[in-house]
């Protein structure tokens, strides 16, 4: 919210609040996002076999802070995600994904390397190729796999 005051030379009027164009997530959206993130953080830690205390020691933060991130009580920021990513030996953005989908996280890490290491022209070509592939997938859905042929009926020996 912006606070508007009277202009100089005008009668002193009380402040009025002007609603701002706030495009951020609402409280419920943020809570849902934090809950999903916290579930992923806990799952990553458990799959990798770390305790809260071990992670806390690795990243230099008290384990209770990590516990609050994992329960959704406190939101985790990007600097903390970077620390956790280094501790877990995964890219920070992978922690926003379900660890069961490790292949997707690995593919995103590969894509990130391409985007950050290639020149601008190569990145544009690569992205255009990917976008064309997506369009083709929508236009041409994958054909159904061929059905197995039924075995021919055996001749009846009694005939």
C-alpha atoms as a PDB file:
ATOM      1  CA  UNK A   1       0.000   0.000   0.000  1.00  0.00           C
ATOM      2  CA  UNK A   2       1.134   3.512  -0.762  1.00  0.00           C
ATOM      3  CA  UNK A   3       0.365   6.368   1.590  1.00  0.00           C
ATOM      4  CA  UNK A   4      -0.741   9.592  -0.105  1.00  0.00           C
ATOM      5  CA  UNK A   5      -0.379  12.945   1.623  1.00  0.00           C
ATOM      6  CA  UNK A   6      -1.922  16.261   0.663  1.00  0.00           C
ATOM      7  CA  UNK A   7       0.131  18.374  -1.757  1.00  0.00           C
ATOM      8  CA  UNK A   8       1.722  21.587  -0.590  1.00  0.00           C
ATOM      9  CA  UNK A   9      -0.702  24.503  -0.588  1.00  0.00           C
ATOM     10  CA  UNK A  10      -3.754  22.276  -0.210  1.00  0.00           C
ATOM     11  CA  UNK A  11      -5.692  21.861   2.986  1.00  0.00           C
ATOM     12  CA  UNK A  12      -4.098  19.369   5.351  1.00  0.00           C
ATOM     13  CA  UNK A  13      -6.109  16.252   4.770  1.00  0.00           C
ATOM     14  CA  UNK A  14      -5.620  12.964   6.529  1.00  0.00           C
ATOM     15  CA  UNK A  15      -3.538  10.316   4.833  1.00  0.00           C
ATOM     16  CA  UNK A  16      -5.330   7.862   2.666  1.00  0.00           C
ATOM     17  CA  UNK A  17      -4.182   4.484   1.563  1.00  0.00           C
ATOM     18  CA  UNK A  18      -3.912   3.699  -2.122  1.00  0.00           C
ATOM     19  CA  UNK A  19      -3.871   0.010  -2.991  1.00  0.00           C
ATOM     20  CA  UNK A  20      -0.766  -0.936  -4.903  1.00  0.00           C
ATOM     21  CA  UNK A  21      -0.657  -3.374  -7.787  1.00  0.00           C
ATOM     22  CA  UNK A  22       0.710  -6.250  -5.739  1.00  0.00           C
ATOM     23  CA  UNK A  23       1.401  -9.221  -7.997  1.00  0.00           C
ATOM     24  CA  UNK A  24       3.034 -11.347  -5.320  1.00  0.00           C
ATOM     25  CA  UNK A  25       1.509 -14.556  -4.128  1.00  0.00           C
ATOM     26  CA  UNK A  26      -1.237 -14.244  -1.565  1.00  0.00           C
ATOM     27  CA  UNK A  27      -0.758 -15.659   1.946  1.00  0.00           C
ATOM     28  CA  UNK A  28      -2.470 -18.942   1.087  1.00  0.00           C
ATOM     29  CA  UNK A  29      -0.442 -19.376  -2.106  1.00  0.00           C
ATOM     30  CA  UNK A  30       2.787 -18.695  -0.214  1.00  0.00           C
ATOM     31  CA  UNK A  31       1.825 -21.163   2.500  1.00  0.00           C
ATOM     32  CA  UNK A  32       1.111 -23.882  -0.074  1.00  0.00           C
ATOM     33  CA  UNK A  33       4.382 -23.149  -1.857  1.00  0.00           C
ATOM     34  CA  UNK A  34       6.321 -23.261   1.436  1.00  0.00           C
ATOM     35  CA  UNK A  35       4.667 -26.549   2.400  1.00  0.00           C
ATOM     36  CA  UNK A  36       5.578 -28.194  -0.913  1.00  0.00           C
ATOM     37  CA  UNK A  37       9.149 -26.906  -0.646  1.00  0.00           C
ATOM     38  CA  UNK A  38       9.457 -28.100   2.936  1.00  0.00           C
ATOM     39  CA  UNK A  39       8.277 -31.586   2.002  1.00  0.00           C
ATOM     40  CA  UNK A  40      10.881 -31.752  -0.757  1.00  0.00           C
ATOM     41  CA  UNK A  41      13.645 -30.540   1.566  1.00  0.00           C
ATOM     42  CA  UNK A  42      12.844 -33.213   4.143  1.00  0.00           C
ATOM     43  CA  UNK A  43      12.582 -35.915   1.466  1.00  0.00           C
ATOM     44  CA  UNK A  44      15.986 -34.990   0.001  1.00  0.00           C
ATOM     45  CA  UNK A  45      17.626 -35.122   3.433  1.00  0.00           C
ATOM     46  CA  UNK A  46      16.042 -38.448   4.313  1.00  0.00           C
ATOM     47  CA  UNK A  47      16.803 -40.086   0.959  1.00  0.00           C
ATOM     48  CA  UNK A  48      20.436 -39.033   1.262  1.00  0.00           C
ATOM     49  CA  UNK A  49      20.549 -40.426   4.799  1.00  0.00           C
ATOM     50  CA  UNK A  50      21.402 -37.263   6.751  1.00  0.00           C
ATOM     51  CA  UNK A  51      20.106 -36.286  10.179  1.00  0.00           C
ATOM     52  CA  UNK A  52      19.100 -32.706  10.949  1.00  0.00           C
ATOM     53  CA  UNK A  53      22.174 -32.310  13.145  1.00  0.00           C
ATOM     54  CA  UNK A  54      24.510 -33.617  10.422  1.00  0.00           C
ATOM     55  CA  UNK A  55      23.119 -31.158   7.894  1.00  0.00           C
ATOM     56  CA  UNK A  56      23.322 -28.341  10.424  1.00  0.00           C
ATOM     57  CA  UNK A  57      27.004 -29.075  11.037  1.00  0.00           C
ATOM     58  CA  UNK A  58      27.716 -29.308   7.278  1.00  0.00           C
ATOM     59  CA  UNK A  59      26.160 -25.921   6.493  1.00  0.00           C
ATOM     60  CA  UNK A  60      26.903 -24.125   9.766  1.00  0.00           C
ATOM     61  CA  UNK A  61      23.304 -23.515  10.782  1.00  0.00           C
ATOM     62  CA  UNK A  62      21.574 -24.808  13.908  1.00  0.00           C
ATOM     63  CA  UNK A  63      19.520 -27.907  13.191  1.00  0.00           C
ATOM     64  CA  UNK A  64      16.360 -26.276  14.555  1.00  0.00           C
ATOM     65  CA  UNK A  65      16.429 -23.764  11.661  1.00  0.00           C
ATOM     66  CA  UNK A  66      16.573 -26.646   9.198  1.00  0.00           C
ATOM     67  CA  UNK A  67      13.720 -28.332  11.030  1.00  0.00           C
ATOM     68  CA  UNK A  68      11.632 -25.150  10.645  1.00  0.00           C
ATOM     69  CA  UNK A  69      12.357 -25.106   6.902  1.00  0.00           C
ATOM     70  CA  UNK A  70      11.330 -28.740   6.619  1.00  0.00           C
ATOM     71  CA  UNK A  71       8.073 -28.236   8.508  1.00  0.00           C
ATOM     72  CA  UNK A  72       7.188 -25.096   6.566  1.00  0.00           C
ATOM     73  CA  UNK A  73       7.258 -22.950   9.684  1.00  0.00           C
ATOM     74  CA  UNK A  74       9.941 -20.723   8.122  1.00  0.00           C
ATOM     75  CA  UNK A  75      10.517 -20.102   4.437  1.00  0.00           C
ATOM     76  CA  UNK A  76      13.910 -21.031   3.041  1.00  0.00           C
ATOM     77  CA  UNK A  77      15.760 -18.435   1.001  1.00  0.00           C
ATOM     78  CA  UNK A  78      18.028 -18.870  -1.992  1.00  0.00           C
ATOM     79  CA  UNK A  79      21.259 -18.544   0.041  1.00  0.00           C
ATOM     80  CA  UNK A  80      20.094 -21.374   2.291  1.00  0.00           C
ATOM     81  CA  UNK A  81      19.076 -23.489  -0.716  1.00  0.00           C
ATOM     82  CA  UNK A  82      22.586 -22.987  -2.110  1.00  0.00           C
ATOM     83  CA  UNK A  83      24.093 -24.202   1.177  1.00  0.00           C
ATOM     84  CA  UNK A  84      21.811 -27.238   1.256  1.00  0.00           C
ATOM     85  CA  UNK A  85      22.538 -27.995  -2.401  1.00  0.00           C
ATOM     86  CA  UNK A  86      26.281 -28.035  -1.714  1.00  0.00           C
ATOM     87  CA  UNK A  87      25.765 -30.213   1.368  1.00  0.00           C
ATOM     88  CA  UNK A  88      23.630 -32.676  -0.598  1.00  0.00           C
ATOM     89  CA  UNK A  89      25.794 -32.429  -3.752  1.00  0.00           C
ATOM     90  CA  UNK A  90      22.841 -31.411  -5.943  1.00  0.00           C
ATOM     91  CA  UNK A  91      21.990 -28.123  -7.670  1.00  0.00           C
ATOM     92  CA  UNK A  92      19.978 -25.819  -5.403  1.00  0.00           C
ATOM     93  CA  UNK A  93      17.002 -25.776  -7.773  1.00  0.00           C
ATOM     94  CA  UNK A  94      16.812 -29.577  -7.566  1.00  0.00           C
ATOM     95  CA  UNK A  95      15.753 -29.173  -3.948  1.00  0.00           C
ATOM     96  CA  UNK A  96      12.525 -27.574  -5.191  1.00  0.00           C
ATOM     97  CA  UNK A  97      11.662 -30.841  -6.960  1.00  0.00           C
ATOM     98  CA  UNK A  98      10.620 -34.174  -5.552  1.00  0.00           C
ATOM     99  CA  UNK A  99      13.808 -36.210  -5.061  1.00  0.00           C
ATOM    100  CA  UNK A 100      12.059 -39.252  -6.485  1.00  0.00           C
ATOM    101  CA  UNK A 101      12.216 -37.415  -9.817  1.00  0.00           C
ATOM    102  CA  UNK A 102      16.017 -37.269  -9.722  1.00  0.00           C
ATOM    103  CA  UNK A 103      16.229 -37.689 -13.497  1.00  0.00           C
ATOM    104  CA  UNK A 104      14.377 -34.405 -14.015  1.00  0.00           C
ATOM    105  CA  UNK A 105      16.707 -32.649 -11.564  1.00  0.00           C
ATOM    106  CA  UNK A 106      19.735 -34.036 -13.391  1.00  0.00           C
ATOM    107  CA  UNK A 107      18.307 -32.940 -16.760  1.00  0.00           C
ATOM    108  CA  UNK A 108      17.678 -29.446 -15.420  1.00  0.00           C
ATOM    109  CA  UNK A 109      21.270 -29.300 -14.190  1.00  0.00           C
ATOM    110  CA  UNK A 110      22.481 -30.313 -17.660  1.00  0.00           C
ATOM    111  CA  UNK A 111      20.246 -27.680 -19.273  1.00  0.00           C
ATOM    112  CA  UNK A 112      21.561 -25.060 -16.869  1.00  0.00           C
ATOM    113  CA  UNK A 113      25.138 -25.912 -17.879  1.00  0.00           C
ATOM    114  CA  UNK A 114      24.244 -25.559 -21.558  1.00  0.00           C
ATOM    115  CA  UNK A 115      22.568 -22.195 -21.011  1.00  0.00           C
ATOM    116  CA  UNK A 116      25.375 -20.800 -18.873  1.00  0.00           C
ATOM    117  CA  UNK A 117      28.331 -22.135 -20.885  1.00  0.00           C
ATOM    118  CA  UNK A 118      27.255 -21.803 -24.515  1.00  0.00           C
ATOM    119  CA  UNK A 119      27.294 -18.591 -26.510  1.00  0.00           C
ATOM    120  CA  UNK A 120      24.044 -16.671 -26.994  1.00  0.00           C
ATOM    121  CA  UNK A 121      23.480 -17.903 -30.562  1.00  0.00           C
ATOM    122  CA  UNK A 122      23.888 -21.576 -29.570  1.00  0.00           C
ATOM    123  CA  UNK A 123      21.508 -21.118 -26.634  1.00  0.00           C
ATOM    124  CA  UNK A 124      18.889 -19.493 -28.884  1.00  0.00           C
ATOM    125  CA  UNK A 125      19.189 -22.338 -31.414  1.00  0.00           C
ATOM    126  CA  UNK A 126      18.974 -24.958 -28.680  1.00  0.00           C
ATOM    127  CA  UNK A 127      15.905 -23.357 -27.077  1.00  0.00           C
ATOM    128  CA  UNK A 128      14.195 -22.983 -30.461  1.00  0.00           C
ATOM    129  CA  UNK A 129      14.838 -26.669 -31.157  1.00  0.00           C
ATOM    130  CA  UNK A 130      13.300 -27.611 -27.813  1.00  0.00           C
ATOM    131  CA  UNK A 131      10.266 -25.422 -28.386  1.00  0.00           C
ATOM    132  CA  UNK A 132       9.705 -26.950 -31.838  1.00  0.00           C
ATOM    133  CA  UNK A 133       9.951 -30.410 -30.313  1.00  0.00           C
ATOM    134  CA  UNK A 134       7.288 -29.474 -27.749  1.00  0.00           C
ATOM    135  CA  UNK A 135       4.971 -28.189 -30.462  1.00  0.00           C
ATOM    136  CA  UNK A 136       5.465 -31.366 -32.473  1.00  0.00           C
ATOM    137  CA  UNK A 137       4.637 -33.451 -29.419  1.00  0.00           C
ATOM    138  CA  UNK A 138       1.362 -31.554 -28.971  1.00  0.00           C
ATOM    139  CA  UNK A 139       0.451 -31.781 -32.649  1.00  0.00           C
ATOM    140  CA  UNK A 140       1.459 -35.424 -33.077  1.00  0.00           C
ATOM    141  CA  UNK A 141       0.622 -37.339 -29.929  1.00  0.00           C
ATOM    142  CA  UNK A 142       2.639 -40.493 -29.508  1.00  0.00           C
ATOM    143  CA  UNK A 143       1.060 -43.342 -31.438  1.00  0.00           C
ATOM    144  CA  UNK A 144      -0.281 -46.202 -29.438  1.00  0.00           C
ATOM    145  CA  UNK A 145       2.120 -49.110 -29.191  1.00  0.00           C
ATOM    146  CA  UNK A 146       1.301 -51.910 -31.610  1.00  0.00           C
ATOM    147  CA  UNK A 147      -0.978 -54.517 -30.168  1.00  0.00           C
ATOM    148  CA  UNK A 148       0.262 -58.029 -29.882  1.00  0.00           C
ATOM    149  CA  UNK A 149      -1.177 -60.334 -32.469  1.00  0.00           C
ATOM    150  CA  UNK A 150      -3.267 -63.109 -31.127  1.00  0.00           C
ATOM    151  CA  UNK A 151      -1.987 -66.549 -31.956  1.00  0.00           C
ATOM    152  CA  UNK A 152      -3.894 -68.267 -34.734  1.00  0.00           C
ATOM    153  CA  UNK A 153      -6.371 -70.809 -33.404  1.00  0.00           C
ATOM    154  CA  UNK A 154      -5.129 -74.344 -33.488  1.00  0.00           C
ATOM    155  CA  UNK A 155      -6.913 -76.761 -35.757  1.00  0.00           C
ATOM    156  CA  UNK A 156      -9.250 -78.960 -33.820  1.00  0.00           C
ATOM    157  CA  UNK A 157      -7.674 -82.435 -33.866  1.00  0.00           C
ATOM    158  CA  UNK A 158     -11.073 -84.116 -33.602  1.00  0.00           C
ATOM    159  CA  UNK A 159     -12.223 -82.805 -36.995  1.00  0.00           C
END
